[in-house]
Each structure stands twice: as C-alpha cells, then as structure tokens.
Amino acid sequence: MEIKVGTVVLSTAGHDKGGVFAVIGFTDGDIALIADGKRRKLEKPKKKKLKHLKPLGILEQNIPTQTNRQLKKALMEFNARGGHGR
C-alpha cells in the first residue's frame, strides 16, 4: 500500500513506536508529517521517515479531519472498525 495524505500508519521506530497516526502531509523526499490529534497535534506534526511507518489503511473520505478533535475521533473510529492492523 502506498503512503499518501490520509493514510493511517503505525510507527515502527522511535519514542512513538506502536502509535497509530494519520499522514497529514510530506516534506522533502521520504519524510511524512504525522499527527494523531492527542500527543501530536495538527499544529505541530511529527516528521517521520517513510521507512519507519507501516500503512494500515485509509481514513474515510466523509470524516472531517480539520481539527485535532476530529482527527482523534477519525482514528478511534478507524480502530473500532478493526483497521488497526495489529
């Protein structure tokens, strides 16, 4: 699965290892910007190399994710659907 904006990913390395995040953007080359709305807010996303991320699925298109609360809710619903991949 290709990692793009809106992809739900599992962090496989670092302090946030095991955390579930959404990709909200990209910087140069192989660096993704990830956030979960709780520990990593949309205002200050984590920079993470793509090789340290495992794609789990895609957030539903009809779920708004413009605020931290909406993003957190969307990730909880993703996990509730069984999309956590663990």
Protein backbone atom coordinates (compact mmCIF):
# COMPACT_ATOMS: atom_id res chain seq x y z
CA MET A 1 0.00 0.00 0.00
CA GLU A 2 1.30 3.43 -0.93
CA ILE A 3 1.56 6.02 1.83
CA LYS A 4 -0.22 9.26 0.92
CA VAL A 5 -2.13 12.01 2.73
CA GLY A 6 -4.99 10.42 4.67
CA THR A 7 -3.22 7.09 5.19
CA VAL A 8 -3.35 5.66 8.70
CA VAL A 9 0.09 4.42 9.70
CA LEU A 10 1.75 2.54 12.54
CA SER A 11 5.04 3.93 13.80
CA THR A 12 7.67 1.16 13.82
CA ALA A 13 10.59 3.07 15.39
CA GLY A 14 11.34 5.85 17.85
CA HIS A 15 9.66 7.07 21.01
CA ASP A 16 6.26 6.82 19.34
CA LYS A 17 6.78 3.17 18.30
CA GLY A 18 3.46 1.34 18.22
CA GLY A 19 1.44 4.54 17.88
CA VAL A 20 -1.25 4.96 15.25
CA PHE A 21 -1.15 8.23 13.30
CA ALA A 22 -2.57 9.82 10.17
CA VAL A 23 -0.33 11.21 7.44
CA ILE A 24 -1.23 14.88 7.00
CA GLY A 25 1.48 15.92 4.57
CA PHE A 26 5.01 15.45 3.28
CA THR A 27 8.26 17.37 3.34
CA ASP A 28 11.35 16.73 1.22
CA GLY A 29 11.64 13.26 -0.26
CA ASP A 30 10.85 10.43 2.11
CA ILE A 31 9.67 12.40 5.15
CA ALA A 32 5.99 12.27 6.18
CA LEU A 33 4.22 14.61 8.60
CA ILE A 34 2.09 12.59 11.02
CA ALA A 35 -0.38 13.55 13.74
CA ASP A 36 -2.88 11.83 15.99
CA GLY A 37 -4.72 14.82 17.47
CA LYS A 38 -3.63 13.97 21.02
CA ARG A 39 0.12 13.60 21.54
CA ARG A 40 0.98 15.05 18.13
CA LYS A 41 -1.30 17.92 17.19
CA LEU A 42 -2.07 19.13 13.68
CA GLU A 43 -0.29 22.39 14.53
CA LYS A 44 2.99 20.58 15.29
CA PRO A 45 3.11 17.27 13.40
CA LYS A 46 5.94 14.75 13.78
CA LYS A 47 8.40 14.34 10.93
CA LYS A 48 8.97 10.65 10.26
CA LYS A 49 10.84 8.76 7.56
CA LEU A 50 8.62 6.57 5.43
CA LYS A 51 10.74 3.50 6.20
CA HIS A 52 9.65 3.84 9.86
CA LEU A 53 5.94 3.78 9.01
CA LYS A 54 3.68 0.82 8.24
CA PRO A 55 0.47 1.68 6.34
CA LEU A 56 -2.68 0.28 7.93
CA GLY A 57 -5.44 1.76 5.78
CA ILE A 58 -7.09 4.96 4.61
CA LEU A 59 -9.28 7.32 6.62
CA GLU A 60 -12.83 7.51 5.29
CA GLN A 61 -13.34 10.46 2.95
CA ASN A 62 -16.58 11.60 4.62
CA ILE A 63 -14.94 12.06 8.04
CA PRO A 64 -13.68 15.63 8.52
CA THR A 65 -10.17 15.94 9.99
CA GLN A 66 -9.55 19.70 10.11
CA THR A 67 -9.27 19.86 13.90
CA ASN A 68 -7.41 17.77 16.47
CA ARG A 69 -10.72 16.56 17.92
CA GLN A 70 -11.95 15.42 14.50
CA LEU A 71 -8.66 13.67 13.74
CA LYS A 72 -8.65 11.88 17.10
CA LYS A 73 -12.25 10.76 16.54
CA ALA A 74 -11.49 9.55 13.00
CA LEU A 75 -8.55 7.46 14.25
CA MET A 76 -10.69 5.98 17.05
CA GLU A 77 -13.38 5.03 14.50
CA PHE A 78 -10.71 3.51 12.25
CA ASN A 79 -9.52 1.34 15.16
CA ALA A 80 -13.11 0.43 16.09
CA ARG A 81 -13.72 -0.84 12.54
CA GLY A 82 -10.86 -3.27 13.05
CA GLY A 83 -8.49 -1.32 10.83
CA HIS A 84 -5.68 -1.17 13.37
CA GLY A 85 -3.69 -3.94 11.69
CA ARG A 86 -2.24 -5.43 14.88
